[in-house]
Each structure stands twice: as C-alpha cells, then as structure tokens.
C-alpha cells in the first residue's frame, strides 16, 4: 500500500531465527529444479556442522536430517512435546538482542486504573491491583494506597493479561497440590 513505511510482525514461534528476516536478500531462480536461496539463512546453515549418514532406503550418503537426493526418501518427523512458556513479547533487534518493553508513565497509570476496575468487578482484595501491577512492571504503582486513581474500564488486552495470570496461578496451585 502506498504511504506505508513500517510493518509490525508478531513472531510468536521464533521463525525469524530459523528463516531470517522478511527483508533478507533472497536469490530467486526461475528453474523448477532449483530453490531460492536466502543468503542470511544459508550462512546460518553453513555454520552448523551436521553429520553424514546413509539413506535407510537406498544406502546413499546424505546429510543427517535431509531427504535423500538419490531415491527421494524423506525422514518422518517424530511428534514431540511442545513446551509452552509464559512470557512477554519483545522487540528483537538486528543483532538478535531482545529490547526491553518500555512503557510510558501514562500507559502504566492506565493499566493500573484498569486493574483497579477488574479488582472491584471481581471483588478482589484491595492490594491485588498493586501486586498484579508489580508483577508486570517490576515496581509498585506510583499512586499512594490511601489515594488510588479512579478505576477505568479495562480493554481486551488488560483482560487477557489478567486471565493469563489467573490461569498460571490456578495451574501453579494445582501442581503444588498434586505434588503434596
């Protein structure tokens, strides 16, 4: 679209580490027998030493993890357990460093006000909103406990955050009770 200069890509699975950035240079080819080459991804692949092995079907030598170039055999991928971890999305720089989420003071205050609304709505104890705020931001809210700000209706993102924390808490309690 004309006039657009930025795009925000949410990569929840870390595909950028396997396939490179969307704007990486790619050597495109027109031959159906060849594949396009992502130069950045190719450099990463060259840096990993893989073992040579033989094809179980025709005994040709091949790289471990690749299919056979002689008979066309392809390894079956075994299903594996996918471990899911709670976390915050963060911006990844070109040097592969993760930049910390930086929130403006007004965004933090708005988040606190929305937590106060949820606390009142769910009849939670008075300190719940401040403790939840501290879990997210690593510091207590700026508002003094004797004069909290006026609660504000929460948006979907704040409700989703609270729901995720509630689920994590419930699972932790269930795990703790199961271990006893």
N, C-alpha and C. Protein backbone atom coordinates (compact mmCIF):
# COMPACT_ATOMS: atom_id res chain seq x y z
N UNK A 1 0.84 -1.17 0.00
CA UNK A 1 0.00 0.00 0.00
C UNK A 1 0.89 1.24 0.00
N UNK A 2 0.51 2.22 -0.72
CA UNK A 2 1.34 3.43 -0.81
C UNK A 2 1.29 4.19 0.51
N UNK A 3 2.42 4.81 0.83
CA UNK A 3 2.50 5.60 2.05
C UNK A 3 2.91 4.81 3.28
N UNK A 4 2.94 3.52 3.21
CA UNK A 4 3.31 2.68 4.36
C UNK A 4 4.82 2.48 4.36
N UNK A 5 5.46 2.73 5.49
CA UNK A 5 6.90 2.55 5.57
C UNK A 5 7.29 1.52 6.61
N UNK A 6 6.38 1.14 7.49
CA UNK A 6 6.69 0.20 8.56
C UNK A 6 5.70 -0.96 8.54
N UNK A 7 6.14 -2.04 9.16
CA UNK A 7 5.25 -3.17 9.40
C UNK A 7 5.65 -3.76 10.74
N UNK A 8 4.71 -4.18 11.53
CA UNK A 8 4.99 -4.83 12.80
C UNK A 8 4.62 -6.29 12.63
N UNK A 9 5.61 -7.16 12.77
CA UNK A 9 5.41 -8.59 12.59
C UNK A 9 5.51 -9.25 13.95
N UNK A 10 4.46 -9.94 14.36
CA UNK A 10 4.47 -10.65 15.64
C UNK A 10 4.89 -12.08 15.37
N UNK A 11 6.06 -12.44 15.83
CA UNK A 11 6.64 -13.76 15.59
C UNK A 11 6.61 -14.55 16.89
N UNK A 12 5.50 -15.24 17.15
CA UNK A 12 5.33 -15.95 18.41
C UNK A 12 6.14 -17.24 18.46
N UNK A 13 6.58 -17.76 17.34
CA UNK A 13 7.26 -19.06 17.33
C UNK A 13 8.75 -18.96 17.08
N UNK A 14 9.29 -17.78 16.89
CA UNK A 14 10.72 -17.63 16.65
C UNK A 14 11.14 -17.99 15.24
N UNK A 15 10.26 -17.84 14.27
CA UNK A 15 10.57 -18.20 12.88
C UNK A 15 11.72 -17.37 12.33
N UNK A 16 11.91 -16.17 12.86
CA UNK A 16 12.99 -15.32 12.38
C UNK A 16 14.36 -15.96 12.64
N UNK A 17 14.44 -16.77 13.68
CA UNK A 17 15.71 -17.43 13.98
C UNK A 17 15.99 -18.58 13.02
N UNK A 18 14.95 -19.16 12.45
CA UNK A 18 15.12 -20.26 11.50
C UNK A 18 15.16 -19.81 10.06
N UNK A 19 14.35 -18.81 9.71
CA UNK A 19 14.18 -18.44 8.30
C UNK A 19 14.74 -17.07 7.95
N UNK A 20 15.16 -16.31 8.92
CA UNK A 20 15.68 -14.98 8.65
C UNK A 20 14.59 -13.93 8.67
N UNK A 21 14.99 -12.70 8.42
CA UNK A 21 14.07 -11.58 8.43
C UNK A 21 13.31 -11.48 7.11
N UNK A 22 12.11 -10.92 7.14
CA UNK A 22 11.33 -10.80 5.90
C UNK A 22 12.02 -9.98 4.83
N UNK A 23 12.90 -9.08 5.22
CA UNK A 23 13.57 -8.25 4.22
C UNK A 23 14.99 -8.74 3.88
N UNK A 24 15.33 -9.97 4.27
CA UNK A 24 16.62 -10.55 3.88
C UNK A 24 16.67 -10.69 2.36
N UNK A 25 17.88 -10.54 1.82
CA UNK A 25 18.07 -10.71 0.39
C UNK A 25 17.90 -12.19 0.01
N UNK A 26 17.13 -12.45 -1.01
CA UNK A 26 16.89 -13.82 -1.48
C UNK A 26 17.30 -13.91 -2.93
N UNK A 27 18.07 -14.93 -3.26
CA UNK A 27 18.46 -15.16 -4.65
C UNK A 27 17.36 -15.99 -5.30
N UNK A 28 16.51 -15.36 -6.08
CA UNK A 28 15.40 -16.04 -6.72
C UNK A 28 15.88 -16.72 -8.00
N UNK A 29 15.32 -17.89 -8.31
CA UNK A 29 15.66 -18.63 -9.51
C UNK A 29 14.39 -18.97 -10.26
N UNK A 30 14.50 -19.15 -11.56
CA UNK A 30 13.33 -19.47 -12.38
C UNK A 30 13.25 -20.96 -12.71
N UNK A 31 14.28 -21.71 -12.41
CA UNK A 31 14.29 -23.13 -12.72
C UNK A 31 13.47 -23.91 -11.68
N UNK A 32 12.60 -24.82 -12.15
CA UNK A 32 11.81 -25.60 -11.19
C UNK A 32 12.67 -26.63 -10.43
N UNK A 33 13.88 -26.89 -10.90
CA UNK A 33 14.75 -27.86 -10.24
C UNK A 33 15.60 -27.24 -9.14
N UNK A 34 15.62 -25.92 -9.06
CA UNK A 34 16.42 -25.23 -8.05
C UNK A 34 15.49 -24.50 -7.08
N UNK A 35 16.03 -24.17 -5.93
CA UNK A 35 15.23 -23.43 -4.96
C UNK A 35 15.87 -22.07 -4.70
N UNK A 36 15.06 -21.14 -4.27
CA UNK A 36 15.56 -19.80 -3.93
C UNK A 36 16.46 -19.91 -2.71
N UNK A 37 17.43 -19.01 -2.62
CA UNK A 37 18.38 -19.05 -1.51
C UNK A 37 18.32 -17.76 -0.73
N UNK A 38 18.06 -17.89 0.56
CA UNK A 38 18.14 -16.77 1.49
C UNK A 38 19.57 -16.74 1.99
N UNK A 39 20.34 -15.71 1.61
CA UNK A 39 21.76 -15.66 1.92
C UNK A 39 22.02 -15.70 3.43
N UNK A 40 21.22 -15.00 4.21
CA UNK A 40 21.41 -14.99 5.66
C UNK A 40 21.15 -16.37 6.24
N UNK A 41 20.07 -17.01 5.77
CA UNK A 41 19.73 -18.34 6.27
C UNK A 41 20.78 -19.35 5.84
N UNK A 42 21.29 -19.21 4.63
CA UNK A 42 22.32 -20.12 4.13
C UNK A 42 23.59 -20.00 4.96
N UNK A 43 23.95 -18.80 5.35
CA UNK A 43 25.14 -18.61 6.20
C UNK A 43 24.95 -19.27 7.55
N UNK A 44 23.75 -19.18 8.09
CA UNK A 44 23.48 -19.86 9.37
C UNK A 44 23.58 -21.37 9.20
N UNK A 45 23.04 -21.89 8.11
CA UNK A 45 23.06 -23.33 7.89
C UNK A 45 24.50 -23.83 7.73
N UNK A 46 25.34 -23.05 7.09
CA UNK A 46 26.73 -23.46 6.91
C UNK A 46 27.47 -23.50 8.24
N UNK A 47 27.06 -22.71 9.18
CA UNK A 47 27.76 -22.66 10.45
C UNK A 47 27.45 -23.86 11.34
N UNK A 48 26.39 -24.59 11.05
CA UNK A 48 26.04 -25.77 11.84
C UNK A 48 26.63 -27.01 11.16
N UNK A 49 27.46 -27.73 11.89
CA UNK A 49 28.04 -28.95 11.34
C UNK A 49 27.08 -30.11 11.55
N UNK A 50 26.63 -30.71 10.45
CA UNK A 50 25.73 -31.85 10.54
C UNK A 50 26.48 -33.10 10.12
N UNK A 51 26.09 -34.20 10.69
CA UNK A 51 26.75 -35.47 10.42
C UNK A 51 26.26 -36.06 9.09
N UNK A 52 27.13 -36.84 8.45
CA UNK A 52 26.73 -37.61 7.27
C UNK A 52 26.16 -38.93 7.74
N UNK A 53 25.17 -39.39 7.04
CA UNK A 53 24.54 -40.68 7.37
C UNK A 53 24.12 -41.35 6.06
N UNK A 54 23.61 -42.55 6.15
CA UNK A 54 23.16 -43.26 4.94
C UNK A 54 21.65 -43.30 4.88
N UNK A 55 21.13 -43.32 3.68
CA UNK A 55 19.69 -43.40 3.45
C UNK A 55 19.22 -44.80 3.85
N UNK A 56 18.16 -44.92 4.64
CA UNK A 56 17.67 -46.24 5.04
C UNK A 56 17.04 -47.03 3.88
N UNK A 57 16.69 -46.33 2.81
CA UNK A 57 16.04 -46.99 1.68
C UNK A 57 17.06 -47.48 0.64
N UNK A 58 18.03 -46.60 0.25
CA UNK A 58 18.95 -46.96 -0.83
C UNK A 58 20.42 -46.94 -0.40
N UNK A 59 20.71 -46.62 0.85
CA UNK A 59 22.06 -46.58 1.41
C UNK A 59 22.96 -45.50 0.80
N UNK A 60 22.41 -44.52 0.12
CA UNK A 60 23.22 -43.41 -0.39
C UNK A 60 23.62 -42.52 0.78
N UNK A 61 24.74 -41.86 0.66
CA UNK A 61 25.21 -40.96 1.72
C UNK A 61 24.44 -39.65 1.61
N UNK A 62 23.98 -39.14 2.78
CA UNK A 62 23.21 -37.90 2.82
C UNK A 62 23.51 -37.19 4.13
N UNK A 63 23.13 -35.92 4.21
CA UNK A 63 23.27 -35.17 5.45
C UNK A 63 22.15 -35.56 6.40
N UNK A 64 22.49 -35.72 7.66
CA UNK A 64 21.50 -36.08 8.66
C UNK A 64 20.41 -35.00 8.71
N UNK A 65 19.17 -35.43 8.70
CA UNK A 65 18.04 -34.51 8.74
C UNK A 65 17.50 -34.15 7.37
N UNK A 66 18.29 -34.35 6.31
CA UNK A 66 17.83 -34.06 4.95
C UNK A 66 17.23 -35.31 4.32
N UNK A 67 16.46 -35.11 3.27
CA UNK A 67 15.96 -36.22 2.48
C UNK A 67 17.06 -36.75 1.57
N UNK A 68 16.80 -37.87 0.94
CA UNK A 68 17.79 -38.50 0.06
C UNK A 68 17.66 -37.90 -1.35
N UNK A 69 18.79 -37.45 -1.91
CA UNK A 69 18.80 -36.89 -3.26
C UNK A 69 18.72 -37.97 -4.33
N UNK A 70 19.04 -39.23 -3.97
CA UNK A 70 19.08 -40.31 -4.95
C UNK A 70 17.70 -40.94 -5.14
N UNK A 71 17.09 -41.39 -4.03
CA UNK A 71 15.81 -42.10 -4.17
C UNK A 71 14.60 -41.26 -3.78
N UNK A 72 14.83 -40.09 -3.17
CA UNK A 72 13.71 -39.23 -2.80
C UNK A 72 13.13 -39.49 -1.43
N UNK A 73 13.73 -40.43 -0.66
CA UNK A 73 13.23 -40.73 0.68
C UNK A 73 13.32 -39.49 1.56
N UNK A 74 12.30 -39.29 2.41
CA UNK A 74 12.30 -38.16 3.33
C UNK A 74 12.08 -38.68 4.74
N UNK A 75 12.83 -38.16 5.70
CA UNK A 75 12.65 -38.62 7.08
C UNK A 75 11.30 -38.18 7.63
N UNK A 76 10.73 -39.04 8.45
CA UNK A 76 9.47 -38.68 9.10
C UNK A 76 9.80 -37.86 10.33
N UNK A 77 9.05 -36.80 10.51
CA UNK A 77 9.27 -36.01 11.71
C UNK A 77 8.47 -36.65 12.84
N UNK A 78 9.16 -36.89 13.93
CA UNK A 78 8.51 -37.51 15.08
C UNK A 78 7.80 -36.44 15.87
N UNK A 79 6.58 -36.74 16.32
CA UNK A 79 5.89 -35.74 17.14
C UNK A 79 6.64 -35.57 18.45
N UNK A 80 6.67 -34.37 18.92
CA UNK A 80 7.35 -34.13 20.18
C UNK A 80 6.51 -33.18 21.03
N UNK A 81 6.75 -33.26 22.30
CA UNK A 81 6.04 -32.40 23.25
C UNK A 81 6.48 -30.96 23.05
N UNK A 82 5.55 -30.08 22.95
CA UNK A 82 5.85 -28.67 22.80
C UNK A 82 5.67 -27.99 24.14
N UNK A 83 6.77 -27.51 24.69
CA UNK A 83 6.70 -26.83 25.97
C UNK A 83 6.33 -25.38 25.73
N UNK A 84 5.35 -24.90 26.46
CA UNK A 84 4.89 -23.54 26.32
C UNK A 84 5.30 -22.77 27.57
N UNK A 85 5.84 -21.61 27.38
CA UNK A 85 6.28 -20.80 28.50
C UNK A 85 5.57 -19.45 28.47
N UNK A 86 5.20 -18.99 29.66
CA UNK A 86 4.63 -17.66 29.76
C UNK A 86 5.72 -16.64 29.51
N UNK A 87 5.38 -15.53 28.95
CA UNK A 87 6.38 -14.51 28.71
C UNK A 87 5.76 -13.29 28.08
N UNK A 88 6.58 -12.32 27.91
CA UNK A 88 6.16 -11.07 27.29
C UNK A 88 6.78 -11.00 25.90
N UNK A 89 6.03 -10.50 24.95
CA UNK A 89 6.60 -10.26 23.63
C UNK A 89 7.57 -9.10 23.73
N UNK A 90 8.64 -9.17 22.98
CA UNK A 90 9.62 -8.10 22.99
C UNK A 90 10.16 -7.89 21.59
N UNK A 91 10.69 -6.73 21.35
CA UNK A 91 11.23 -6.41 20.05
C UNK A 91 12.62 -7.03 19.91
N UNK A 92 12.87 -7.68 18.79
CA UNK A 92 14.17 -8.29 18.53
C UNK A 92 14.92 -7.41 17.54
N UNK A 93 16.12 -6.98 17.94
CA UNK A 93 16.93 -6.13 17.08
C UNK A 93 17.68 -6.94 16.04
N UNK A 94 18.28 -6.25 15.08
CA UNK A 94 19.04 -6.92 14.03
C UNK A 94 20.21 -7.72 14.59
N UNK A 95 20.72 -7.32 15.74
CA UNK A 95 21.82 -8.06 16.35
C UNK A 95 21.31 -9.21 17.21
N UNK A 96 20.02 -9.53 17.09
CA UNK A 96 19.34 -10.62 17.78
C UNK A 96 19.19 -10.38 19.28
N UNK A 97 19.40 -9.17 19.72
CA UNK A 97 19.18 -8.84 21.12
C UNK A 97 17.71 -8.50 21.31
N UNK A 98 17.19 -8.85 22.46
CA UNK A 98 15.79 -8.55 22.76
C UNK A 98 15.76 -7.22 23.50
N UNK A 99 15.01 -6.30 22.96
CA UNK A 99 14.89 -4.99 23.59
C UNK A 99 13.77 -5.05 24.61
N UNK A 100 14.02 -4.47 25.74
CA UNK A 100 13.02 -4.48 26.81
C UNK A 100 11.81 -3.64 26.41
N UNK A 101 10.65 -4.10 26.88
CA UNK A 101 9.44 -3.31 26.66
C UNK A 101 9.55 -2.05 27.52
N UNK A 102 9.40 -0.92 26.93
CA UNK A 102 9.42 0.33 27.67
C UNK A 102 8.03 0.93 27.62
N UNK A 103 7.48 1.12 28.78
CA UNK A 103 6.13 1.67 28.88
C UNK A 103 6.22 3.10 29.37
N UNK A 104 5.40 3.94 28.80
CA UNK A 104 5.35 5.34 29.22
C UNK A 104 4.56 5.43 30.53
N UNK A 105 4.83 6.44 31.33
CA UNK A 105 4.13 6.58 32.62
C UNK A 105 2.61 6.61 32.47
N UNK A 106 2.09 7.26 31.42
CA UNK A 106 0.63 7.31 31.27
C UNK A 106 0.07 5.93 30.91
N UNK A 107 0.85 5.11 30.17
CA UNK A 107 0.40 3.74 29.86
C UNK A 107 0.36 2.89 31.13
N UNK A 108 1.36 3.07 31.99
CA UNK A 108 1.38 2.33 33.26
C UNK A 108 0.20 2.74 34.15
N UNK A 109 -0.05 4.04 34.20
CA UNK A 109 -1.16 4.52 35.03
C UNK A 109 -2.50 4.00 34.49
N UNK A 110 -2.66 4.00 33.16
CA UNK A 110 -3.90 3.50 32.55
C UNK A 110 -4.07 2.01 32.88
N UNK A 111 -2.95 1.25 32.81
CA UNK A 111 -3.00 -0.18 33.14
C UNK A 111 -3.43 -0.36 34.60
N UNK A 112 -2.86 0.45 35.51
CA UNK A 112 -3.22 0.35 36.93
C UNK A 112 -4.70 0.68 37.15
N UNK A 113 -5.18 1.72 36.49
CA UNK A 113 -6.59 2.09 36.63
C UNK A 113 -7.50 0.97 36.14
N UNK A 114 -7.11 0.30 35.06
CA UNK A 114 -7.91 -0.81 34.54
C UNK A 114 -7.86 -2.01 35.49
N UNK A 115 -6.71 -2.24 36.13
CA UNK A 115 -6.63 -3.30 37.13
C UNK A 115 -7.54 -3.01 38.32
N UNK A 116 -7.60 -1.74 38.72
CA UNK A 116 -8.48 -1.37 39.83
C UNK A 116 -9.94 -1.66 39.47
N UNK A 117 -10.32 -1.43 38.22
CA UNK A 117 -11.69 -1.72 37.76
C UNK A 117 -11.96 -3.23 37.88
N UNK A 118 -11.02 -4.04 37.40
CA UNK A 118 -11.19 -5.50 37.45
C UNK A 118 -11.24 -5.97 38.90
N UNK A 119 -10.41 -5.39 39.77
CA UNK A 119 -10.42 -5.77 41.18
C UNK A 119 -11.79 -5.51 41.80
N UNK A 120 -12.36 -4.36 41.50
CA UNK A 120 -13.68 -4.03 42.03
C UNK A 120 -14.74 -4.95 41.42
N UNK A 121 -14.62 -5.20 40.11
CA UNK A 121 -15.59 -6.03 39.39
C UNK A 121 -15.59 -7.47 39.92
N UNK A 122 -14.40 -8.00 40.23
CA UNK A 122 -14.29 -9.39 40.69
C UNK A 122 -14.22 -9.51 42.21
N UNK A 123 -14.41 -8.39 42.89
CA UNK A 123 -14.40 -8.35 44.35
C UNK A 123 -13.10 -8.94 44.92
N UNK A 124 -11.99 -8.48 44.36
CA UNK A 124 -10.68 -8.94 44.82
C UNK A 124 -10.21 -8.04 45.96
N UNK A 125 -9.24 -8.53 46.72
CA UNK A 125 -8.72 -7.78 47.86
C UNK A 125 -8.07 -6.48 47.38
N UNK A 126 -8.03 -5.47 48.26
CA UNK A 126 -7.53 -4.14 47.85
C UNK A 126 -6.12 -4.13 47.26
N UNK A 127 -5.21 -4.96 47.71
CA UNK A 127 -3.84 -4.93 47.21
C UNK A 127 -3.62 -5.71 45.93
N UNK A 128 -4.66 -6.40 45.43
CA UNK A 128 -4.49 -7.25 44.25
C UNK A 128 -4.01 -6.45 43.04
N UNK A 129 -4.61 -5.29 42.80
CA UNK A 129 -4.24 -4.50 41.62
C UNK A 129 -2.78 -4.05 41.70
N UNK A 130 -2.34 -3.63 42.87
CA UNK A 130 -0.95 -3.19 43.02
C UNK A 130 0.02 -4.35 42.84
N UNK A 131 -0.31 -5.53 43.40
CA UNK A 131 0.57 -6.70 43.24
C UNK A 131 0.63 -7.15 41.79
N UNK A 132 -0.50 -7.13 41.08
CA UNK A 132 -0.53 -7.51 39.67
C UNK A 132 0.28 -6.52 38.84
N UNK A 133 0.18 -5.24 39.17
CA UNK A 133 0.96 -4.19 38.51
C UNK A 133 2.45 -4.46 38.73
N UNK A 134 2.84 -4.82 39.97
CA UNK A 134 4.25 -5.06 40.27
C UNK A 134 4.78 -6.27 39.51
N UNK A 135 3.95 -7.31 39.35
CA UNK A 135 4.37 -8.49 38.58
C UNK A 135 4.68 -8.10 37.14
N UNK A 136 3.86 -7.24 36.56
CA UNK A 136 4.05 -6.86 35.16
C UNK A 136 5.22 -5.90 34.96
N UNK A 137 5.31 -4.89 35.82
CA UNK A 137 6.29 -3.82 35.59
C UNK A 137 7.52 -3.89 36.50
N UNK A 138 7.50 -4.76 37.51
CA UNK A 138 8.66 -4.89 38.39
C UNK A 138 8.77 -3.79 39.43
N UNK A 139 7.77 -2.97 39.57
CA UNK A 139 7.77 -1.89 40.56
C UNK A 139 6.32 -1.63 40.98
N UNK A 140 6.17 -1.05 42.15
CA UNK A 140 4.84 -0.73 42.63
C UNK A 140 4.28 0.47 41.87
N UNK A 141 2.95 0.61 41.82
CA UNK A 141 2.38 1.78 41.14
C UNK A 141 2.79 3.07 41.86
N UNK A 142 2.80 4.16 41.10
CA UNK A 142 3.18 5.45 41.67
C UNK A 142 2.12 6.01 42.62
N UNK A 143 0.88 5.60 42.44
CA UNK A 143 -0.22 6.14 43.25
C UNK A 143 -0.11 5.63 44.69
N UNK A 144 -0.28 6.50 45.67
CA UNK A 144 -0.26 6.04 47.07
C UNK A 144 -1.49 5.21 47.38
N UNK A 145 -1.37 4.18 48.23
CA UNK A 145 -2.51 3.29 48.52
C UNK A 145 -3.70 4.01 49.15
N UNK A 146 -3.46 5.12 49.87
CA UNK A 146 -4.56 5.83 50.51
C UNK A 146 -5.33 6.73 49.54
N UNK A 147 -4.76 6.96 48.34
CA UNK A 147 -5.44 7.77 47.34
C UNK A 147 -5.25 7.15 45.96
N UNK A 148 -5.83 5.96 45.74
CA UNK A 148 -5.65 5.31 44.42
C UNK A 148 -6.38 6.09 43.33
N UNK A 149 -5.92 5.96 42.09
CA UNK A 149 -6.59 6.66 40.99
C UNK A 149 -7.98 6.07 40.74
N UNK A 150 -8.77 6.80 40.01
CA UNK A 150 -10.12 6.36 39.67
C UNK A 150 -10.05 5.16 38.72
N UNK A 151 -10.76 4.05 39.03
CA UNK A 151 -10.75 2.89 38.12
C UNK A 151 -11.29 3.26 36.73
N UNK A 152 -10.78 2.56 35.71
CA UNK A 152 -11.22 2.79 34.33
C UNK A 152 -11.60 1.45 33.72
N UNK A 153 -12.60 1.44 32.83
CA UNK A 153 -13.00 0.17 32.19
C UNK A 153 -11.81 -0.44 31.44
N UNK A 154 -11.56 -1.73 31.65
CA UNK A 154 -10.40 -2.38 31.01
C UNK A 154 -10.63 -2.68 29.54
N UNK A 155 -9.55 -2.62 28.78
CA UNK A 155 -9.63 -3.02 27.38
C UNK A 155 -9.35 -4.52 27.28
N UNK A 156 -9.46 -5.06 26.09
CA UNK A 156 -9.30 -6.51 25.88
C UNK A 156 -7.91 -6.99 26.26
N UNK A 157 -6.89 -6.19 26.01
CA UNK A 157 -5.51 -6.61 26.31
C UNK A 157 -5.30 -6.77 27.81
N UNK A 158 -5.84 -5.87 28.61
CA UNK A 158 -5.68 -5.96 30.06
C UNK A 158 -6.47 -7.16 30.58
N UNK A 159 -7.68 -7.35 30.07
CA UNK A 159 -8.46 -8.53 30.49
C UNK A 159 -7.73 -9.82 30.13
N UNK A 160 -7.12 -9.87 28.95
CA UNK A 160 -6.38 -11.07 28.54
C UNK A 160 -5.17 -11.29 29.44
N UNK A 161 -4.48 -10.22 29.82
CA UNK A 161 -3.33 -10.34 30.71
C UNK A 161 -3.78 -10.90 32.06
N UNK A 162 -4.85 -10.36 32.63
CA UNK A 162 -5.35 -10.83 33.92
C UNK A 162 -5.79 -12.29 33.81
N UNK A 163 -6.46 -12.63 32.71
CA UNK A 163 -6.89 -14.02 32.51
C UNK A 163 -5.67 -14.95 32.46
N UNK A 164 -4.61 -14.54 31.76
CA UNK A 164 -3.42 -15.39 31.66
C UNK A 164 -2.76 -15.57 33.02
N UNK A 165 -2.74 -14.51 33.84
CA UNK A 165 -2.16 -14.60 35.19
C UNK A 165 -3.04 -15.50 36.07
N UNK A 166 -4.36 -15.41 35.92
CA UNK A 166 -5.27 -16.26 36.69
C UNK A 166 -5.07 -17.73 36.33
N UNK A 167 -4.91 -18.01 35.05
CA UNK A 167 -4.69 -19.39 34.60
C UNK A 167 -3.36 -19.91 35.13
N UNK A 168 -2.32 -19.10 35.05
CA UNK A 168 -1.00 -19.50 35.55
C UNK A 168 -1.06 -19.77 37.05
N UNK A 169 -1.77 -18.94 37.80
CA UNK A 169 -1.91 -19.12 39.24
C UNK A 169 -2.66 -20.41 39.55
N UNK A 170 -3.76 -20.65 38.84
CA UNK A 170 -4.55 -21.85 39.06
C UNK A 170 -3.74 -23.11 38.77
N UNK A 171 -2.96 -23.09 37.68
CA UNK A 171 -2.11 -24.23 37.35
C UNK A 171 -1.03 -24.44 38.40
N UNK A 172 -0.45 -23.37 38.90
CA UNK A 172 0.60 -23.49 39.92
C UNK A 172 0.03 -24.10 41.20
N UNK A 173 -1.16 -23.68 41.59
CA UNK A 173 -1.79 -24.23 42.79
C UNK A 173 -2.12 -25.70 42.58
N UNK A 174 -2.66 -26.05 41.41
CA UNK A 174 -2.99 -27.45 41.12
C UNK A 174 -1.73 -28.31 41.11
N UNK A 175 -0.66 -27.80 40.56
CA UNK A 175 0.62 -28.54 40.52
C UNK A 175 1.15 -28.72 41.94
N UNK A 176 1.03 -27.67 42.74
CA UNK A 176 1.52 -27.73 44.12
C UNK A 176 0.70 -28.75 44.91
N UNK A 177 -0.59 -28.77 44.72
CA UNK A 177 -1.45 -29.73 45.45
C UNK A 177 -1.21 -31.16 44.97
N UNK A 178 -0.92 -31.30 43.67
CA UNK A 178 -0.63 -32.63 43.13
C UNK A 178 0.69 -33.18 43.64
N UNK A 179 1.62 -32.30 43.97
CA UNK A 179 2.94 -32.72 44.44
C UNK A 179 2.93 -33.10 45.91
N UNK A 180 1.91 -32.66 46.64
CA UNK A 180 1.85 -32.96 48.09
C UNK A 180 1.48 -34.38 48.37
